[in-house]
């Protein structure tokens, strides 16, 4: 089952890249993936208001953590802000 996530912002904190937004449909869990250009990114961690979550359901406002993204990956993420992305 896929998950639809509305991306609101992208932040870089040290080695981590955080995507913030809202789950519009489905249940997001760590290890789920999405395609960014020709690269597959895997969810490392999900947080909401400073608390780690095992999953996030529709309507949840969350932050999704990734590590080891390159500057070109970040450039590819910027045009996706305020758009829906699908995780699988």
Foldseek 3Di string as FASTA:
>chain_A
DKWKWAWADWDDDPQKIKTWTFTAADKDAFQWWFDQPNDIFTFHWKDDPPDTDRIDHGGGTIITIGGDDDPVSVVSCVVRHRHMTMID
